[in-house]
Amino acid sequence: MTRTTGEETFGVCTHPRIESFLKLGDSIYFEEAGNAQSLYIIQYISSSLNWKSGKVFLHQKVEPMVSWDLRLQVTM
């Protein structure tokens, strides 16, 4: 089964692949459960996080086309 929009034709089965690609940003940060509050940065992607349980706001910025250096700003 295919869908056509103007000059573009694509298979319907490509939708899950597109959705999976878009979900890459879902797993940037992970919080570890337990007594000690721990937050892990899993992916270096330009993003922001308001970590309420840790009472911290994180903002990370990466410009991969210019440099892979990470700029991490932490506000308490």
N, C-alpha and C. Protein backbone atom coordinates (compact mmCIF):
# COMPACT_ATOMS: atom_id res chain seq x y z
N MET A 1 0.84 -1.17 0.00
CA MET A 1 0.00 0.00 0.00
C MET A 1 0.89 1.23 0.00
N THR A 2 0.58 2.20 -0.84
CA THR A 2 1.36 3.43 -0.90
C THR A 2 0.44 4.63 -0.81
N ARG A 3 1.03 5.72 -0.39
CA ARG A 3 0.29 6.99 -0.35
C ARG A 3 1.01 7.95 -1.28
N THR A 4 0.25 8.78 -1.93
CA THR A 4 0.83 9.76 -2.84
C THR A 4 0.38 11.15 -2.41
N THR A 5 1.35 12.04 -2.25
CA THR A 5 1.06 13.44 -1.96
C THR A 5 1.83 14.27 -2.97
N GLY A 6 1.16 14.79 -3.95
CA GLY A 6 1.84 15.57 -4.98
C GLY A 6 2.76 14.67 -5.77
N GLU A 7 4.05 14.99 -5.79
CA GLU A 7 5.02 14.21 -6.54
C GLU A 7 5.67 13.13 -5.69
N GLU A 8 5.39 13.09 -4.40
CA GLU A 8 6.03 12.14 -3.50
C GLU A 8 5.17 10.90 -3.31
N THR A 9 5.79 9.74 -3.39
CA THR A 9 5.11 8.49 -3.12
C THR A 9 5.93 7.75 -2.08
N PHE A 10 5.29 7.27 -1.03
CA PHE A 10 6.01 6.53 -0.01
C PHE A 10 5.12 5.43 0.53
N GLY A 11 5.76 4.37 1.00
CA GLY A 11 5.02 3.25 1.56
C GLY A 11 4.49 3.58 2.94
N VAL A 12 3.33 3.07 3.26
CA VAL A 12 2.73 3.30 4.57
C VAL A 12 3.61 2.71 5.66
N CYS A 13 4.33 1.65 5.36
CA CYS A 13 5.15 1.00 6.37
C CYS A 13 6.33 1.86 6.81
N THR A 14 6.63 2.96 6.12
CA THR A 14 7.74 3.83 6.54
C THR A 14 7.39 4.65 7.77
N HIS A 15 6.12 4.78 8.08
CA HIS A 15 5.70 5.61 9.23
C HIS A 15 6.34 5.16 10.54
N PRO A 16 6.34 3.87 10.90
CA PRO A 16 6.98 3.48 12.16
C PRO A 16 8.46 3.83 12.21
N ARG A 17 9.14 3.78 11.06
CA ARG A 17 10.56 4.15 11.04
C ARG A 17 10.72 5.64 11.32
N ILE A 18 9.87 6.45 10.75
CA ILE A 18 9.94 7.88 11.00
C ILE A 18 9.64 8.17 12.46
N GLU A 19 8.65 7.51 13.00
CA GLU A 19 8.29 7.70 14.41
C GLU A 19 9.45 7.29 15.31
N SER A 20 10.11 6.18 15.01
CA SER A 20 11.25 5.73 15.81
C SER A 20 12.38 6.75 15.76
N PHE A 21 12.63 7.32 14.60
CA PHE A 21 13.67 8.32 14.47
C PHE A 21 13.34 9.55 15.31
N LEU A 22 12.09 9.95 15.32
CA LEU A 22 11.69 11.12 16.10
C LEU A 22 11.76 10.87 17.60
N LYS A 23 11.70 9.62 18.02
CA LYS A 23 11.75 9.29 19.44
C LYS A 23 13.17 9.29 20.01
N LEU A 24 14.19 9.52 19.19
CA LEU A 24 15.56 9.54 19.68
C LEU A 24 15.74 10.56 20.80
N GLY A 25 15.04 11.67 20.73
CA GLY A 25 15.15 12.70 21.76
C GLY A 25 14.46 12.37 23.06
N ASP A 26 13.71 11.27 23.11
CA ASP A 26 13.02 10.88 24.34
C ASP A 26 13.97 10.38 25.42
N SER A 27 15.14 9.94 25.04
CA SER A 27 16.05 9.27 25.98
C SER A 27 17.32 10.06 26.21
N ILE A 28 17.19 11.35 26.40
CA ILE A 28 18.37 12.19 26.63
C ILE A 28 18.81 12.11 28.08
N TYR A 29 17.86 12.13 29.00
CA TYR A 29 18.16 12.13 30.44
C TYR A 29 17.49 10.93 31.11
N PHE A 30 18.16 10.40 32.13
CA PHE A 30 17.58 9.34 32.94
C PHE A 30 17.80 9.64 34.41
N GLU A 31 16.75 9.43 35.20
CA GLU A 31 16.83 9.62 36.64
C GLU A 31 16.90 8.26 37.30
N GLU A 32 17.87 8.09 38.20
CA GLU A 32 18.02 6.82 38.92
C GLU A 32 17.16 6.85 40.18
N ALA A 33 16.37 5.82 40.36
CA ALA A 33 15.52 5.72 41.55
C ALA A 33 16.36 5.31 42.75
N GLY A 34 15.95 5.74 43.92
CA GLY A 34 16.65 5.38 45.15
C GLY A 34 16.77 6.56 46.08
N ASN A 35 17.52 6.36 47.16
CA ASN A 35 17.69 7.43 48.16
C ASN A 35 18.51 8.59 47.62
N ALA A 36 19.59 8.28 46.92
CA ALA A 36 20.43 9.34 46.35
C ALA A 36 19.86 9.75 45.00
N GLN A 37 19.60 11.02 44.83
CA GLN A 37 19.06 11.50 43.57
C GLN A 37 20.18 11.60 42.55
N SER A 38 20.03 10.88 41.45
CA SER A 38 21.04 10.89 40.40
C SER A 38 20.37 11.12 39.05
N LEU A 39 21.00 11.95 38.25
CA LEU A 39 20.51 12.22 36.90
C LEU A 39 21.66 11.97 35.94
N TYR A 40 21.38 11.22 34.89
CA TYR A 40 22.40 10.89 33.90
C TYR A 40 22.04 11.53 32.57
N ILE A 41 23.05 12.09 31.91
CA ILE A 41 22.88 12.61 30.56
C ILE A 41 23.35 11.50 29.63
N ILE A 42 22.42 10.94 28.88
CA ILE A 42 22.72 9.80 28.02
C ILE A 42 23.11 10.25 26.62
N GLN A 43 22.51 11.32 26.13
CA GLN A 43 22.80 11.81 24.79
C GLN A 43 23.17 13.29 24.86
N TYR A 44 24.19 13.65 24.12
CA TYR A 44 24.58 15.05 24.04
C TYR A 44 23.86 15.69 22.86
N ILE A 45 22.64 16.17 23.16
CA ILE A 45 21.77 16.80 22.18
C ILE A 45 21.33 18.13 22.78
N SER A 46 21.31 19.17 21.99
CA SER A 46 20.84 20.46 22.50
C SER A 46 19.43 20.30 23.06
N SER A 47 19.30 20.59 24.36
CA SER A 47 18.02 20.37 25.04
C SER A 47 18.03 21.07 26.38
N SER A 48 16.86 21.10 27.01
CA SER A 48 16.70 21.66 28.35
C SER A 48 15.86 20.70 29.18
N LEU A 49 16.11 20.70 30.49
CA LEU A 49 15.37 19.83 31.40
C LEU A 49 15.14 20.56 32.71
N ASN A 50 13.91 20.58 33.17
CA ASN A 50 13.58 21.08 34.50
C ASN A 50 13.43 19.86 35.39
N TRP A 51 14.48 19.51 36.11
CA TRP A 51 14.50 18.32 36.97
C TRP A 51 13.93 18.72 38.32
N LYS A 52 12.65 18.52 38.49
CA LYS A 52 11.94 19.00 39.68
C LYS A 52 12.39 18.31 40.96
N SER A 53 12.59 17.00 40.94
CA SER A 53 12.98 16.30 42.17
C SER A 53 14.39 16.67 42.61
N GLY A 54 15.24 17.07 41.69
CA GLY A 54 16.59 17.51 42.04
C GLY A 54 16.70 19.01 42.20
N LYS A 55 15.59 19.71 41.93
CA LYS A 55 15.53 21.17 42.03
C LYS A 55 16.63 21.84 41.21
N VAL A 56 16.78 21.36 39.97
CA VAL A 56 17.83 21.85 39.08
C VAL A 56 17.23 22.04 37.68
N PHE A 57 17.69 23.08 37.00
CA PHE A 57 17.34 23.28 35.60
C PHE A 57 18.62 23.11 34.79
N LEU A 58 18.59 22.21 33.81
CA LEU A 58 19.75 21.95 32.97
C LEU A 58 19.48 22.43 31.55
N HIS A 59 20.50 23.01 30.96
CA HIS A 59 20.42 23.39 29.55
C HIS A 59 21.74 22.98 28.91
N GLN A 60 21.67 22.11 27.92
CA GLN A 60 22.89 21.72 27.22
C GLN A 60 22.79 22.12 25.76
N LYS A 61 23.91 22.57 25.24
CA LYS A 61 23.94 23.03 23.86
C LYS A 61 25.14 22.40 23.16
N VAL A 62 24.87 21.80 22.01
CA VAL A 62 25.91 21.18 21.20
C VAL A 62 25.72 21.68 19.77
N GLU A 63 26.81 22.08 19.15
CA GLU A 63 26.76 22.49 17.76
C GLU A 63 27.66 21.55 16.96
N PRO A 64 27.15 20.38 16.56
CA PRO A 64 28.00 19.36 15.95
C PRO A 64 28.63 19.76 14.62
N MET A 65 28.05 20.68 13.90
CA MET A 65 28.64 21.09 12.63
C MET A 65 29.85 21.99 12.85
N VAL A 66 29.93 22.61 14.02
CA VAL A 66 31.02 23.52 14.34
C VAL A 66 32.04 22.82 15.23
N SER A 67 31.56 22.19 16.28
CA SER A 67 32.43 21.54 17.26
C SER A 67 31.59 20.55 18.06
N TRP A 68 32.22 19.52 18.57
CA TRP A 68 31.50 18.57 19.41
C TRP A 68 31.62 18.93 20.89
N ASP A 69 32.15 20.12 21.18
CA ASP A 69 32.24 20.57 22.56
C ASP A 69 30.85 20.81 23.11
N LEU A 70 30.66 20.39 24.34
CA LEU A 70 29.36 20.51 25.01
C LEU A 70 29.37 21.71 25.93
N ARG A 71 28.32 22.50 25.89
CA ARG A 71 28.13 23.59 26.84
C ARG A 71 26.97 23.19 27.74
N LEU A 72 27.24 23.03 29.03
CA LEU A 72 26.22 22.61 29.98
C LEU A 72 26.03 23.70 31.02
N GLN A 73 24.81 24.18 31.14
CA GLN A 73 24.47 25.22 32.12
C GLN A 73 23.53 24.61 33.14
N VAL A 74 23.89 24.73 34.42
CA VAL A 74 23.08 24.19 35.51
C VAL A 74 22.63 25.35 36.38
N THR A 75 21.33 25.45 36.61
CA THR A 75 20.75 26.51 37.45
C THR A 75 20.00 25.86 38.60
N MET A 76 20.27 26.34 39.81
CA MET A 76 19.60 25.78 40.99
C MET A 76 18.64 26.79 41.56
